[in-house]
Full PDB file with SEQRES, HELIX, SHEET, SSBOND, CRYST1, ORIGX, SCALE, CONECT and MASTER records, all heavy atoms in Angstrom:
SEQRES   1 A   31  ALA THR GLY SER SER SER LEU GLY PHE SER PHE GLN ILE          
SEQRES   2 A   31  VAL LEU TRP LEU TRP PHE THR VAL LEU PHE ALA ASN PHE          
SEQRES   3 A   31  ALA GLU ALA VAL ALA                                          
HELIX    1 AA1 LEU A    7  VAL A   30  1                                  24    
CRYST1    1.000    1.000    1.000  90.00  90.00  90.00 P 1           1          
ORIGX1      1.000000  0.000000  0.000000        0.00000                         
ORIGX2      0.000000  1.000000  0.000000        0.00000                         
ORIGX3      0.000000  0.000000  1.000000        0.00000                         
SCALE1      1.000000  0.000000  0.000000        0.00000                         
SCALE2      0.000000  1.000000  0.000000        0.00000                         
SCALE3      0.000000  0.000000  1.000000        0.00000                         
ATOM      1  N   ALA A   1      -7.244 -14.760  -7.370  1.00  0.00           N  
ATOM      2  CA  ALA A   1      -7.799 -16.108  -7.549  1.00  0.00           C  
ATOM      3  C   ALA A   1      -8.837 -16.153  -8.664  1.00  0.00           C  
ATOM      4  O   ALA A   1      -8.956 -17.147  -9.392  1.00  0.00           O  
ATOM      5  CB  ALA A   1      -8.411 -16.591  -6.235  1.00  0.00           C  
ATOM      6  N   THR A   2      -9.582 -15.039  -8.827  1.00  0.00           N  
ATOM      7  CA  THR A   2     -10.657 -15.024  -9.840  1.00  0.00           C  
ATOM      8  C   THR A   2     -10.210 -14.425 -11.158  1.00  0.00           C  
ATOM      9  O   THR A   2     -10.965 -14.434 -12.140  1.00  0.00           O  
ATOM     10  CB  THR A   2     -11.860 -14.220  -9.307  1.00  0.00           C  
ATOM     11  OG1 THR A   2     -11.439 -12.881  -8.993  1.00  0.00           O  
ATOM     12  CG2 THR A   2     -12.428 -14.876  -8.062  1.00  0.00           C  
ATOM     13  N   GLY A   3      -8.986 -13.814 -11.183  1.00  0.00           N  
ATOM     14  CA  GLY A   3      -8.478 -13.251 -12.430  1.00  0.00           C  
ATOM     15  C   GLY A   3      -9.164 -11.971 -12.832  1.00  0.00           C  
ATOM     16  O   GLY A   3      -9.568 -11.807 -13.989  1.00  0.00           O  
ATOM     17  N   SER A   4      -9.313 -11.016 -11.934  1.00  0.00           N  
ATOM     18  CA  SER A   4      -9.967  -9.737 -12.217  1.00  0.00           C  
ATOM     19  C   SER A   4      -9.153  -8.924 -13.217  1.00  0.00           C  
ATOM     20  O   SER A   4      -7.919  -9.019 -13.274  1.00  0.00           O  
ATOM     21  CB  SER A   4     -10.143  -8.945 -10.917  1.00  0.00           C  
ATOM     22  OG  SER A   4     -10.612  -7.656 -11.181  1.00  0.00           O  
ATOM     23  N   SER A   5      -9.843  -8.105 -13.995  1.00  0.00           N  
ATOM     24  CA  SER A   5      -9.180  -7.299 -15.023  1.00  0.00           C  
ATOM     25  C   SER A   5      -8.492  -6.062 -14.467  1.00  0.00           C  
ATOM     26  O   SER A   5      -7.705  -5.414 -15.158  1.00  0.00           O  
ATOM     27  CB  SER A   5     -10.210  -6.857 -16.082  1.00  0.00           C  
ATOM     28  OG  SER A   5     -11.236  -6.085 -15.460  1.00  0.00           O  
ATOM     29  N   SER A   6      -8.790  -5.688 -13.205  1.00  0.00           N  
ATOM     30  CA  SER A   6      -8.219  -4.462 -12.619  1.00  0.00           C  
ATOM     31  C   SER A   6      -7.156  -4.770 -11.574  1.00  0.00           C  
ATOM     32  O   SER A   6      -6.961  -4.002 -10.636  1.00  0.00           O  
ATOM     33  CB  SER A   6      -9.329  -3.625 -11.988  1.00  0.00           C  
ATOM     34  OG  SER A   6     -10.008  -4.365 -10.973  1.00  0.00           O  
ATOM     35  N   LEU A   7      -6.468  -5.903 -11.765  1.00  0.00           N  
ATOM     36  CA  LEU A   7      -5.474  -6.320 -10.766  1.00  0.00           C  
ATOM     37  C   LEU A   7      -4.355  -5.295 -10.601  1.00  0.00           C  
ATOM     38  O   LEU A   7      -3.932  -4.993  -9.489  1.00  0.00           O  
ATOM     39  CB  LEU A   7      -4.867  -7.673 -11.159  1.00  0.00           C  
ATOM     40  CG  LEU A   7      -5.645  -8.921 -10.735  1.00  0.00           C  
ATOM     41  CD1 LEU A   7      -4.974 -10.164 -11.272  1.00  0.00           C  
ATOM     42  CD2 LEU A   7      -5.765  -8.981  -9.224  1.00  0.00           C  
ATOM     43  N   GLY A   8      -3.873  -4.773 -11.725  1.00  0.00           N  
ATOM     44  CA  GLY A   8      -2.747  -3.828 -11.660  1.00  0.00           C  
ATOM     45  C   GLY A   8      -3.103  -2.582 -10.876  1.00  0.00           C  
ATOM     46  O   GLY A   8      -2.338  -2.117 -10.020  1.00  0.00           O  
ATOM     47  N   PHE A   9      -4.275  -2.027 -11.140  1.00  0.00           N  
ATOM     48  CA  PHE A   9      -4.724  -0.826 -10.435  1.00  0.00           C  
ATOM     49  C   PHE A   9      -4.922  -1.115  -8.943  1.00  0.00           C  
ATOM     50  O   PHE A   9      -4.456  -0.366  -8.081  1.00  0.00           O  
ATOM     51  CB  PHE A   9      -6.038  -0.339 -11.066  1.00  0.00           C  
ATOM     52  CG  PHE A   9      -6.662   0.815 -10.350  1.00  0.00           C  
ATOM     53  CD1 PHE A   9      -6.123   2.088 -10.437  1.00  0.00           C  
ATOM     54  CD2 PHE A   9      -7.799   0.628  -9.562  1.00  0.00           C  
ATOM     55  CE1 PHE A   9      -6.708   3.159  -9.768  1.00  0.00           C  
ATOM     56  CE2 PHE A   9      -8.385   1.687  -8.891  1.00  0.00           C  
ATOM     57  CZ  PHE A   9      -7.833   2.959  -8.997  1.00  0.00           C  
ATOM     58  N   SER A  10      -5.589  -2.242  -8.642  1.00  0.00           N  
ATOM     59  CA  SER A  10      -5.845  -2.603  -7.235  1.00  0.00           C  
ATOM     60  C   SER A  10      -4.543  -2.838  -6.488  1.00  0.00           C  
ATOM     61  O   SER A  10      -4.389  -2.426  -5.322  1.00  0.00           O  
ATOM     62  CB  SER A  10      -6.725  -3.855  -7.162  1.00  0.00           C  
ATOM     63  OG  SER A  10      -7.979  -3.627  -7.746  1.00  0.00           O  
ATOM     64  N   PHE A  11      -3.581  -3.498  -7.158  1.00  0.00           N  
ATOM     65  CA  PHE A  11      -2.298  -3.783  -6.514  1.00  0.00           C  
ATOM     66  C   PHE A  11      -1.586  -2.489  -6.126  1.00  0.00           C  
ATOM     67  O   PHE A  11      -1.039  -2.371  -5.028  1.00  0.00           O  
ATOM     68  CB  PHE A  11      -1.416  -4.613  -7.444  1.00  0.00           C  
ATOM     69  CG  PHE A  11      -0.025  -4.832  -6.904  1.00  0.00           C  
ATOM     70  CD1 PHE A  11       0.213  -5.736  -5.882  1.00  0.00           C  
ATOM     71  CD2 PHE A  11       1.054  -4.092  -7.402  1.00  0.00           C  
ATOM     72  CE1 PHE A  11       1.494  -5.930  -5.376  1.00  0.00           C  
ATOM     73  CE2 PHE A  11       2.331  -4.272  -6.899  1.00  0.00           C  
ATOM     74  CZ  PHE A  11       2.552  -5.202  -5.886  1.00  0.00           C  
ATOM     75  N   GLN A  12      -1.597  -1.499  -7.031  1.00  0.00           N  
ATOM     76  CA  GLN A  12      -0.924  -0.228  -6.739  1.00  0.00           C  
ATOM     77  C   GLN A  12      -1.602   0.512  -5.585  1.00  0.00           C  
ATOM     78  O   GLN A  12      -0.927   1.090  -4.725  1.00  0.00           O  
ATOM     79  CB  GLN A  12      -0.913   0.651  -7.991  1.00  0.00           C  
ATOM     80  CG  GLN A  12      -0.012   0.104  -9.104  1.00  0.00           C  
ATOM     81  CD  GLN A  12      -0.039   1.000 -10.316  1.00  0.00           C  
ATOM     82  OE1 GLN A  12       0.629   2.029 -10.343  1.00  0.00           O  
ATOM     83  NE2 GLN A  12      -0.819   0.613 -11.325  1.00  0.00           N  
ATOM     84  N   ILE A  13      -2.942   0.480  -5.560  1.00  0.00           N  
ATOM     85  CA  ILE A  13      -3.665   1.134  -4.466  1.00  0.00           C  
ATOM     86  C   ILE A  13      -3.304   0.484  -3.134  1.00  0.00           C  
ATOM     87  O   ILE A  13      -2.994   1.165  -2.142  1.00  0.00           O  
ATOM     88  CB  ILE A  13      -5.187   1.070  -4.699  1.00  0.00           C  
ATOM     89  CG1 ILE A  13      -5.589   1.908  -5.908  1.00  0.00           C  
ATOM     90  CG2 ILE A  13      -5.942   1.524  -3.446  1.00  0.00           C  
ATOM     91  CD1 ILE A  13      -5.414   3.393  -5.718  1.00  0.00           C  
ATOM     92  N   VAL A  14      -3.327  -0.852  -3.098  1.00  0.00           N  
ATOM     93  CA  VAL A  14      -2.996  -1.586  -1.866  1.00  0.00           C  
ATOM     94  C   VAL A  14      -1.571  -1.277  -1.428  1.00  0.00           C  
ATOM     95  O   VAL A  14      -1.296  -1.037  -0.237  1.00  0.00           O  
ATOM     96  CB  VAL A  14      -3.191  -3.100  -2.072  1.00  0.00           C  
ATOM     97  CG1 VAL A  14      -2.622  -3.875  -0.886  1.00  0.00           C  
ATOM     98  CG2 VAL A  14      -4.658  -3.435  -2.262  1.00  0.00           C  
ATOM     99  N   LEU A  15      -0.651  -1.283  -2.409  1.00  0.00           N  
ATOM    100  CA  LEU A  15       0.760  -1.034  -2.101  1.00  0.00           C  
ATOM    101  C   LEU A  15       0.943   0.340  -1.450  1.00  0.00           C  
ATOM    102  O   LEU A  15       1.607   0.472  -0.414  1.00  0.00           O  
ATOM    103  CB  LEU A  15       1.589  -1.126  -3.380  1.00  0.00           C  
ATOM    104  CG  LEU A  15       3.109  -0.976  -3.217  1.00  0.00           C  
ATOM    105  CD1 LEU A  15       3.667  -2.156  -2.425  1.00  0.00           C  
ATOM    106  CD2 LEU A  15       3.779  -0.883  -4.583  1.00  0.00           C  
ATOM    107  N   TRP A  16       0.312   1.365  -2.025  1.00  0.00           N  
ATOM    108  CA  TRP A  16       0.481   2.720  -1.488  1.00  0.00           C  
ATOM    109  C   TRP A  16      -0.280   2.937  -0.181  1.00  0.00           C  
ATOM    110  O   TRP A  16       0.111   3.778   0.636  1.00  0.00           O  
ATOM    111  CB  TRP A  16       0.080   3.751  -2.540  1.00  0.00           C  
ATOM    112  CG  TRP A  16       1.144   3.891  -3.589  1.00  0.00           C  
ATOM    113  CD1 TRP A  16       1.134   3.374  -4.852  1.00  0.00           C  
ATOM    114  CD2 TRP A  16       2.400   4.559  -3.430  1.00  0.00           C  
ATOM    115  NE1 TRP A  16       2.304   3.677  -5.506  1.00  0.00           N  
ATOM    116  CE2 TRP A  16       3.104   4.416  -4.650  1.00  0.00           C  
ATOM    117  CE3 TRP A  16       3.002   5.262  -2.397  1.00  0.00           C  
ATOM    118  CZ2 TRP A  16       4.363   4.947  -4.847  1.00  0.00           C  
ATOM    119  CZ3 TRP A  16       4.274   5.797  -2.592  1.00  0.00           C  
ATOM    120  CH2 TRP A  16       4.937   5.642  -3.802  1.00  0.00           C  
ATOM    121  N   LEU A  17      -1.336   2.168   0.033  1.00  0.00           N  
ATOM    122  CA  LEU A  17      -2.009   2.236   1.332  1.00  0.00           C  
ATOM    123  C   LEU A  17      -1.086   1.753   2.446  1.00  0.00           C  
ATOM    124  O   LEU A  17      -0.993   2.359   3.524  1.00  0.00           O  
ATOM    125  CB  LEU A  17      -3.300   1.410   1.316  1.00  0.00           C  
ATOM    126  CG  LEU A  17      -4.481   1.997   0.540  1.00  0.00           C  
ATOM    127  CD1 LEU A  17      -5.638   0.996   0.508  1.00  0.00           C  
ATOM    128  CD2 LEU A  17      -4.935   3.313   1.152  1.00  0.00           C  
ATOM    129  N   TRP A  18      -0.401   0.645   2.187  1.00  0.00           N  
ATOM    130  CA  TRP A  18       0.542   0.129   3.188  1.00  0.00           C  
ATOM    131  C   TRP A  18       1.734   1.077   3.357  1.00  0.00           C  
ATOM    132  O   TRP A  18       2.254   1.250   4.457  1.00  0.00           O  
ATOM    133  CB  TRP A  18       1.023  -1.271   2.819  1.00  0.00           C  
ATOM    134  CG  TRP A  18       0.025  -2.335   3.133  1.00  0.00           C  
ATOM    135  CD1 TRP A  18      -0.636  -3.154   2.268  1.00  0.00           C  
ATOM    136  CD2 TRP A  18      -0.445  -2.693   4.444  1.00  0.00           C  
ATOM    137  NE1 TRP A  18      -1.489  -3.999   2.927  1.00  0.00           N  
ATOM    138  CE2 TRP A  18      -1.388  -3.742   4.276  1.00  0.00           C  
ATOM    139  CE3 TRP A  18      -0.183  -2.242   5.727  1.00  0.00           C  
ATOM    140  CZ2 TRP A  18      -2.049  -4.338   5.345  1.00  0.00           C  
ATOM    141  CZ3 TRP A  18      -0.838  -2.824   6.801  1.00  0.00           C  
ATOM    142  CH2 TRP A  18      -1.760  -3.859   6.607  1.00  0.00           C  
ATOM    143  N   PHE A  19       2.170   1.683   2.249  1.00  0.00           N  
ATOM    144  CA  PHE A  19       3.249   2.668   2.352  1.00  0.00           C  
ATOM    145  C   PHE A  19       2.823   3.846   3.239  1.00  0.00           C  
ATOM    146  O   PHE A  19       3.627   4.372   4.009  1.00  0.00           O  
ATOM    147  CB  PHE A  19       3.634   3.188   0.961  1.00  0.00           C  
ATOM    148  CG  PHE A  19       4.597   2.309   0.226  1.00  0.00           C  
ATOM    149  CD1 PHE A  19       4.710   2.383  -1.156  1.00  0.00           C  
ATOM    150  CD2 PHE A  19       5.406   1.408   0.895  1.00  0.00           C  
ATOM    151  CE1 PHE A  19       5.602   1.575  -1.838  1.00  0.00           C  
ATOM    152  CE2 PHE A  19       6.296   0.590   0.223  1.00  0.00           C  
ATOM    153  CZ  PHE A  19       6.400   0.672  -1.151  1.00  0.00           C  
ATOM    154  N   THR A  20       1.553   4.247   3.133  1.00  0.00           N  
ATOM    155  CA  THR A  20       1.050   5.345   3.967  1.00  0.00           C  
ATOM    156  C   THR A  20       1.191   5.001   5.443  1.00  0.00           C  
ATOM    157  O   THR A  20       1.646   5.823   6.256  1.00  0.00           O  
ATOM    158  CB  THR A  20      -0.429   5.636   3.638  1.00  0.00           C  
ATOM    159  OG1 THR A  20      -0.554   5.946   2.255  1.00  0.00           O  
ATOM    160  CG2 THR A  20      -0.955   6.791   4.477  1.00  0.00           C  
ATOM    161  N   VAL A  21       0.804   3.765   5.797  1.00  0.00           N  
ATOM    162  CA  VAL A  21       0.920   3.322   7.188  1.00  0.00           C  
ATOM    163  C   VAL A  21       2.386   3.251   7.608  1.00  0.00           C  
ATOM    164  O   VAL A  21       2.769   3.710   8.697  1.00  0.00           O  
ATOM    165  CB  VAL A  21       0.238   1.952   7.378  1.00  0.00           C  
ATOM    166  CG1 VAL A  21       0.406   1.464   8.817  1.00  0.00           C  
ATOM    167  CG2 VAL A  21      -1.235   2.028   7.027  1.00  0.00           C  
ATOM    168  N   LEU A  22       3.219   2.682   6.738  1.00  0.00           N  
ATOM    169  CA  LEU A  22       4.641   2.529   7.070  1.00  0.00           C  
ATOM    170  C   LEU A  22       5.336   3.878   7.204  1.00  0.00           C  
ATOM    171  O   LEU A  22       6.178   4.067   8.090  1.00  0.00           O  
ATOM    172  CB  LEU A  22       5.344   1.687   6.003  1.00  0.00           C  
ATOM    173  CG  LEU A  22       5.055   0.183   6.045  1.00  0.00           C  
ATOM    174  CD1 LEU A  22       5.621  -0.506   4.814  1.00  0.00           C  
ATOM    175  CD2 LEU A  22       5.643  -0.439   7.312  1.00  0.00           C  
ATOM    176  N   PHE A  23       4.995   4.832   6.340  1.00  0.00           N  
ATOM    177  CA  PHE A  23       5.623   6.148   6.419  1.00  0.00           C  
ATOM    178  C   PHE A  23       5.238   6.853   7.723  1.00  0.00           C  
ATOM    179  O   PHE A  23       6.046   7.565   8.315  1.00  0.00           O  
ATOM    180  CB  PHE A  23       5.219   7.008   5.220  1.00  0.00           C  
ATOM    181  CG  PHE A  23       5.809   6.534   3.914  1.00  0.00           C  
ATOM    182  CD1 PHE A  23       5.241   6.908   2.702  1.00  0.00           C  
ATOM    183  CD2 PHE A  23       6.922   5.709   3.879  1.00  0.00           C  
ATOM    184  CE1 PHE A  23       5.766   6.477   1.497  1.00  0.00           C  
ATOM    185  CE2 PHE A  23       7.459   5.264   2.681  1.00  0.00           C  
ATOM    186  CZ  PHE A  23       6.879   5.647   1.485  1.00  0.00           C  
ATOM    187  N   ALA A  24       3.989   6.656   8.157  1.00  0.00           N  
ATOM    188  CA  ALA A  24       3.570   7.229   9.440  1.00  0.00           C  
ATOM    189  C   ALA A  24       4.361   6.596  10.582  1.00  0.00           C  
ATOM    190  O   ALA A  24       4.834   7.291  11.495  1.00  0.00           O  
ATOM    191  CB  ALA A  24       2.079   7.013   9.646  1.00  0.00           C  
ATOM    192  N   ASN A  25       4.513   5.275  10.535  1.00  0.00           N  
ATOM    193  CA  ASN A  25       5.310   4.579  11.551  1.00  0.00           C  
ATOM    194  C   ASN A  25       6.765   5.030  11.506  1.00  0.00           C  
ATOM    195  O   ASN A  25       7.429   5.158  12.534  1.00  0.00           O  
ATOM    196  CB  ASN A  25       5.238   3.067  11.337  1.00  0.00           C  
ATOM    197  CG  ASN A  25       3.871   2.496  11.658  1.00  0.00           C  
ATOM    198  OD1 ASN A  25       3.039   3.170  12.256  1.00  0.00           O  
ATOM    199  ND2 ASN A  25       3.629   1.257  11.256  1.00  0.00           N  
ATOM    200  N   PHE A  26       7.253   5.253  10.271  1.00  0.00           N  
ATOM    201  CA  PHE A  26       8.642   5.669  10.095  1.00  0.00           C  
ATOM    202  C   PHE A  26       8.884   7.035  10.737  1.00  0.00           C  
ATOM    203  O   PHE A  26       9.916   7.263  11.375  1.00  0.00           O  
ATOM    204  CB  PHE A  26       8.981   5.714   8.604  1.00  0.00           C  
ATOM    205  CG  PHE A  26      10.398   6.124   8.301  1.00  0.00           C  
ATOM    206  CD1 PHE A  26      11.450   5.274   8.571  1.00  0.00           C  
ATOM    207  CD2 PHE A  26      10.663   7.372   7.747  1.00  0.00           C  
ATOM    208  CE1 PHE A  26      12.761   5.658   8.294  1.00  0.00           C  
ATOM    209  CE2 PHE A  26      11.959   7.757   7.465  1.00  0.00           C  
ATOM    210  CZ  PHE A  26      13.008   6.897   7.736  1.00  0.00           C  
ATOM    211  N   ALA A  27       7.921   7.956  10.577  1.00  0.00           N  
ATOM    212  CA  ALA A  27       8.057   9.289  11.175  1.00  0.00           C  
ATOM    213  C   ALA A  27       8.205   9.183  12.695  1.00  0.00           C  
ATOM    214  O   ALA A  27       9.068   9.825  13.302  1.00  0.00           O  
ATOM    215  CB  ALA A  27       6.842  10.143  10.821  1.00  0.00           C  
ATOM    216  N   GLU A  28       7.362   8.352  13.306  1.00  0.00           N  
ATOM    217  CA  GLU A  28       7.429   8.179  14.752  1.00  0.00           C  
ATOM    218  C   GLU A  28       8.713   7.474  15.160  1.00  0.00           C  
ATOM    219  O   GLU A  28       9.339   7.820  16.162  1.00  0.00           O  
ATOM    220  CB  GLU A  28       6.213   7.392  15.232  1.00  0.00           C  
ATOM    221  CG  GLU A  28       6.114   7.286  16.740  1.00  0.00           C  
ATOM    222  CD  GLU A  28       4.823   6.636  17.199  1.00  0.00           C  
ATOM    223  OE1 GLU A  28       3.952   6.368  16.345  1.00  0.00           O  
ATOM    224  OE2 GLU A  28       4.675   6.393  18.406  1.00  0.00           O  
ATOM    225  N   ALA A  29       9.131   6.478  14.361  1.00  0.00           N  
ATOM    226  CA  ALA A  29      10.347   5.725  14.676  1.00  0.00           C  
ATOM    227  C   ALA A  29      11.593   6.600  14.575  1.00  0.00           C  
ATOM    228  O   ALA A  29      12.522   6.466  15.380  1.00  0.00           O  
ATOM    229  CB  ALA A  29      10.476   4.521  13.744  1.00  0.00           C  
ATOM    230  N   VAL A  30      11.615   7.520  13.593  1.00  0.00           N  
ATOM    231  CA  VAL A  30      12.758   8.433  13.475  1.00  0.00           C  
ATOM    232  C   VAL A  30      12.811   9.361  14.688  1.00  0.00           C  
ATOM    233  O   VAL A  30      13.878   9.599  15.256  1.00  0.00           O  
ATOM    234  CB  VAL A  30      12.669   9.249  12.170  1.00  0.00           C  
ATOM    235  CG1 VAL A  30      13.700  10.377  12.178  1.00  0.00           C  
ATOM    236  CG2 VAL A  30      12.902   8.353  10.973  1.00  0.00           C  
ATOM    237  N   ALA A  31      11.650   9.883  15.092  1.00  0.00           N  
ATOM    238  CA  ALA A  31      11.604  10.754  16.268  1.00  0.00           C  
ATOM    239  C   ALA A  31      12.088  10.012  17.511  1.00  0.00           C  
ATOM    240  O   ALA A  31      12.866  10.545  18.310  1.00  0.00           O  
ATOM    241  CB  ALA A  31      10.186  11.278  16.482  1.00  0.00           C  
TER     242      ALA A  31                                                      
MASTER        0    0    0    1    0    0    0    6  241    1    0    3          
END                                                                             
């Protein structure tokens, strides 16, 4: 909304944080 200059970096960090949670859930779901 404010047009920050570090959007690309922040977006990648957020994306991989959620992937970390999903991969943990995936491990349990596969088991």
